[in-house]
């Protein structure tokens, strides 16, 4: 119950969502760079 509440508070935190969004953007950027590198290499 305590951990569930803590997760709920964390998910409601704007900082958590901002971090998650930034991390996702970084992952997408890396994925696209690798994808184009593979396409160009082949």
PDB file of N, CA and C in Angstrom:
ATOM      1  N   UNK A   1       0.835  -1.206   0.000  1.00  0.00           N
ATOM      2  CA  UNK A   1       0.000   0.000   0.000  1.00  0.00           C
ATOM      3  C   UNK A   1       0.872   1.259   0.000  1.00  0.00           C
ATOM      4  N   UNK A   2       1.904   1.217   0.815  1.00  0.00           N
ATOM      5  CA  UNK A   2       2.796   2.379   0.913  1.00  0.00           C
ATOM      6  C   UNK A   2       3.539   2.610  -0.403  1.00  0.00           C
ATOM      7  N   UNK A   3       4.046   1.533  -0.999  1.00  0.00           N
ATOM      8  CA  UNK A   3       4.777   1.658  -2.262  1.00  0.00           C
ATOM      9  C   UNK A   3       3.847   2.125  -3.378  1.00  0.00           C
ATOM     10  N   UNK A   4       2.616   1.632  -3.355  1.00  0.00           N
ATOM     11  CA  UNK A   4       1.631   2.023  -4.364  1.00  0.00           C
ATOM     12  C   UNK A   4       1.346   3.524  -4.280  1.00  0.00           C
ATOM     13  N   UNK A   5       1.229   4.033  -3.048  1.00  0.00           N
ATOM     14  CA  UNK A   5       1.006   5.466  -2.842  1.00  0.00           C
ATOM     15  C   UNK A   5       2.220   6.270  -3.304  1.00  0.00           C
ATOM     16  N   UNK A   6       3.398   5.760  -3.003  1.00  0.00           N
ATOM     17  CA  UNK A   6       4.633   6.440  -3.399  1.00  0.00           C
ATOM     18  C   UNK A   6       4.740   6.519  -4.921  1.00  0.00           C
ATOM     19  N   UNK A   7       4.398   5.433  -5.602  1.00  0.00           N
ATOM     20  CA  UNK A   7       4.418   5.401  -7.065  1.00  0.00           C
ATOM     21  C   UNK A   7       3.395   6.392  -7.619  1.00  0.00           C
ATOM     22  N   UNK A   8       2.223   6.443  -6.987  1.00  0.00           N
ATOM     23  CA  UNK A   8       1.181   7.382  -7.395  1.00  0.00           C
ATOM     24  C   UNK A   8       1.643   8.825  -7.289  1.00  0.00           C
ATOM     25  N   UNK A   9       2.310   9.155  -6.193  1.00  0.00           N
ATOM     26  CA  UNK A   9       2.842  10.510  -5.984  1.00  0.00           C
ATOM     27  C   UNK A   9       3.926  10.798  -7.022  1.00  0.00           C
ATOM     28  N   UNK A  10       4.772   9.818  -7.267  1.00  0.00           N
ATOM     29  CA  UNK A  10       5.851   9.977  -8.238  1.00  0.00           C
ATOM     30  C   UNK A  10       5.296  10.213  -9.638  1.00  0.00           C
ATOM     31  N   UNK A  11       4.254   9.475 -10.006  1.00  0.00           N
ATOM     32  CA  UNK A  11       3.649   9.608 -11.324  1.00  0.00           C
ATOM     33  C   UNK A  11       2.945  10.948 -11.499  1.00  0.00           C
ATOM     34  N   UNK A  12       2.439  11.503 -10.398  1.00  0.00           N
ATOM     35  CA  UNK A  12       1.766  12.800 -10.460  1.00  0.00           C
ATOM     36  C   UNK A  12       2.764  13.959 -10.509  1.00  0.00           C
ATOM     37  N   UNK A  13       4.009  13.667 -10.151  1.00  0.00           N
ATOM     38  CA  UNK A  13       5.036  14.698 -10.131  1.00  0.00           C
ATOM     39  C   UNK A  13       5.400  15.144 -11.546  1.00  0.00           C
ATOM     40  N   UNK A  14       5.323  16.454 -11.826  1.00  0.00           N
ATOM     41  CA  UNK A  14       5.683  16.946 -13.161  1.00  0.00           C
ATOM     42  C   UNK A  14       7.140  16.651 -13.518  1.00  0.00           C
ATOM     43  N   UNK A  15       8.006  16.644 -12.513  1.00  0.00           N
ATOM     44  CA  UNK A  15       9.417  16.347 -12.752  1.00  0.00           C
ATOM     45  C   UNK A  15       9.597  14.936 -13.297  1.00  0.00           C
ATOM     46  N   UNK A  16       8.807  13.998 -12.750  1.00  0.00           N
ATOM     47  CA  UNK A  16       8.872  12.611 -13.203  1.00  0.00           C
ATOM     48  C   UNK A  16       8.506  12.517 -14.676  1.00  0.00           C
ATOM     49  N   UNK A  17       7.400  13.177 -15.058  1.00  0.00           N
ATOM     50  CA  UNK A  17       6.949  13.129 -16.451  1.00  0.00           C
ATOM     51  C   UNK A  17       7.907  13.857 -17.368  1.00  0.00           C
ATOM     52  N   UNK A  18       8.482  14.971 -16.895  1.00  0.00           N
ATOM     53  CA  UNK A  18       9.457  15.715 -17.696  1.00  0.00           C
ATOM     54  C   UNK A  18      10.676  14.835 -17.959  1.00  0.00           C
ATOM     55  N   UNK A  19      11.164  14.169 -16.901  1.00  0.00           N
ATOM     56  CA  UNK A  19      12.319  13.284 -17.041  1.00  0.00           C
ATOM     57  C   UNK A  19      12.016  12.152 -18.008  1.00  0.00           C
ATOM     58  N   UNK A  20      10.816  11.568 -17.874  1.00  0.00           N
ATOM     59  CA  UNK A  20      10.420  10.455 -18.715  1.00  0.00           C
ATOM     60  C   UNK A  20      10.351  10.887 -20.180  1.00  0.00           C
ATOM     61  N   UNK A  21       9.810  12.076 -20.421  1.00  0.00           N
ATOM     62  CA  UNK A  21       9.695  12.603 -21.774  1.00  0.00           C
ATOM     63  C   UNK A  21      11.074  12.852 -22.371  1.00  0.00           C
ATOM     64  N   UNK A  22      11.973  13.452 -21.583  1.00  0.00           N
ATOM     65  CA  UNK A  22      13.330  13.721 -22.056  1.00  0.00           C
ATOM     66  C   UNK A  22      14.061  12.421 -22.365  1.00  0.00           C
ATOM     67  N   UNK A  23      13.907  11.427 -21.491  1.00  0.00           N
ATOM     68  CA  UNK A  23      14.553  10.131 -21.694  1.00  0.00           C
ATOM     69  C   UNK A  23      14.029   9.472 -22.963  1.00  0.00           C
ATOM     70  N   UNK A  24      12.715   9.575 -23.195  1.00  0.00           N
ATOM     71  CA  UNK A  24      12.108   8.976 -24.376  1.00  0.00           C
ATOM     72  C   UNK A  24      12.609   9.668 -25.642  1.00  0.00           C
ATOM     73  N   UNK A  25      12.707  11.002 -25.600  1.00  0.00           N
ATOM     74  CA  UNK A  25      13.203  11.755 -26.754  1.00  0.00           C
ATOM     75  C   UNK A  25      14.638  11.345 -27.076  1.00  0.00           C
ATOM     76  N   UNK A  26      15.444  11.152 -26.033  1.00  0.00           N
ATOM     77  CA  UNK A  26      16.836  10.749 -26.210  1.00  0.00           C
ATOM     78  C   UNK A  26      16.914   9.359 -26.834  1.00  0.00           C
ATOM     79  N   UNK A  27      16.069   8.438 -26.364  1.00  0.00           N
ATOM     80  CA  UNK A  27      16.038   7.085 -26.917  1.00  0.00           C
ATOM     81  C   UNK A  27      15.638   7.102 -28.383  1.00  0.00           C
ATOM     82  N   UNK A  28      14.617   7.902 -28.723  1.00  0.00           N
ATOM     83  CA  UNK A  28      14.155   7.999 -30.104  1.00  0.00           C
ATOM     84  C   UNK A  28      15.264   8.581 -30.981  1.00  0.00           C
ATOM     85  N   UNK A  29      15.945   9.600 -30.488  1.00  0.00           N
ATOM     86  CA  UNK A  29      17.036  10.234 -31.232  1.00  0.00           C
ATOM     87  C   UNK A  29      18.144   9.223 -31.519  1.00  0.00           C
ATOM     88  N   UNK A  30      18.531   8.447 -30.501  1.00  0.00           N
ATOM     89  CA  UNK A  30      19.569   7.429 -30.666  1.00  0.00           C
ATOM     90  C   UNK A  30      19.120   6.354 -31.640  1.00  0.00           C
ATOM     91  N   UNK A  31      17.873   5.914 -31.516  1.00  0.00           N
ATOM     92  CA  UNK A  31      17.330   4.884 -32.391  1.00  0.00           C
ATOM     93  C   UNK A  31      17.342   5.354 -33.841  1.00  0.00           C
ATOM     94  N   UNK A  32      16.890   6.578 -34.083  1.00  0.00           N
ATOM     95  CA  UNK A  32      16.848   7.112 -35.444  1.00  0.00           C
ATOM     96  C   UNK A  32      18.251   7.253 -36.023  1.00  0.00           C
ATOM     97  N   UNK A  33      19.196   7.709 -35.208  1.00  0.00           N
ATOM     98  CA  UNK A  33      20.580   7.850 -35.661  1.00  0.00           C
ATOM     99  C   UNK A  33      21.149   6.489 -36.052  1.00  0.00           C
ATOM    100  N   UNK A  34      20.916   5.487 -35.224  1.00  0.00           N
ATOM    101  CA  UNK A  34      21.386   4.132 -35.517  1.00  0.00           C
ATOM    102  C   UNK A  34      20.693   3.568 -36.742  1.00  0.00           C
ATOM    103  N   UNK A  35      19.396   3.826 -36.871  1.00  0.00           N
ATOM    104  CA  UNK A  35      18.615   3.336 -38.008  1.00  0.00           C
ATOM    105  C   UNK A  35      19.159   3.901 -39.310  1.00  0.00           C
ATOM    106  N   UNK A  36      19.369   5.216 -39.356  1.00  0.00           N
ATOM    107  CA  UNK A  36      19.873   5.840 -40.579  1.00  0.00           C
ATOM    108  C   UNK A  36      21.297   5.398 -40.865  1.00  0.00           C
ATOM    109  N   UNK A  37      22.095   5.195 -39.828  1.00  0.00           N
ATOM    110  CA  UNK A  37      23.467   4.718 -40.021  1.00  0.00           C
ATOM    111  C   UNK A  37      23.455   3.352 -40.697  1.00  0.00           C
ATOM    112  N   UNK A  38      22.561   2.466 -40.243  1.00  0.00           N
ATOM    113  CA  UNK A  38      22.440   1.125 -40.821  1.00  0.00           C
ATOM    114  C   UNK A  38      21.953   1.216 -42.267  1.00  0.00           C
ATOM    115  N   UNK A  39      20.964   2.069 -42.515  1.00  0.00           N
ATOM    116  CA  UNK A  39      20.416   2.242 -43.871  1.00  0.00           C
ATOM    117  C   UNK A  39      21.498   2.741 -44.824  1.00  0.00           C
ATOM    118  N   UNK A  40      22.260   3.737 -44.391  1.00  0.00           N
ATOM    119  CA  UNK A  40      23.313   4.311 -45.238  1.00  0.00           C
ATOM    120  C   UNK A  40      24.451   3.307 -45.431  1.00  0.00           C
ATOM    121  N   UNK A  41      24.807   2.577 -44.374  1.00  0.00           N
ATOM    122  CA  UNK A  41      25.893   1.592 -44.441  1.00  0.00           C
ATOM    123  C   UNK A  41      25.559   0.479 -45.433  1.00  0.00           C
ATOM    124  N   UNK A  42      24.288   0.109 -45.502  1.00  0.00           N
ATOM    125  CA  UNK A  42      23.864  -0.926 -46.442  1.00  0.00           C
ATOM    126  C   UNK A  42      23.403  -0.255 -47.713  1.00  0.00           C
TER     127      UNK A  42
END
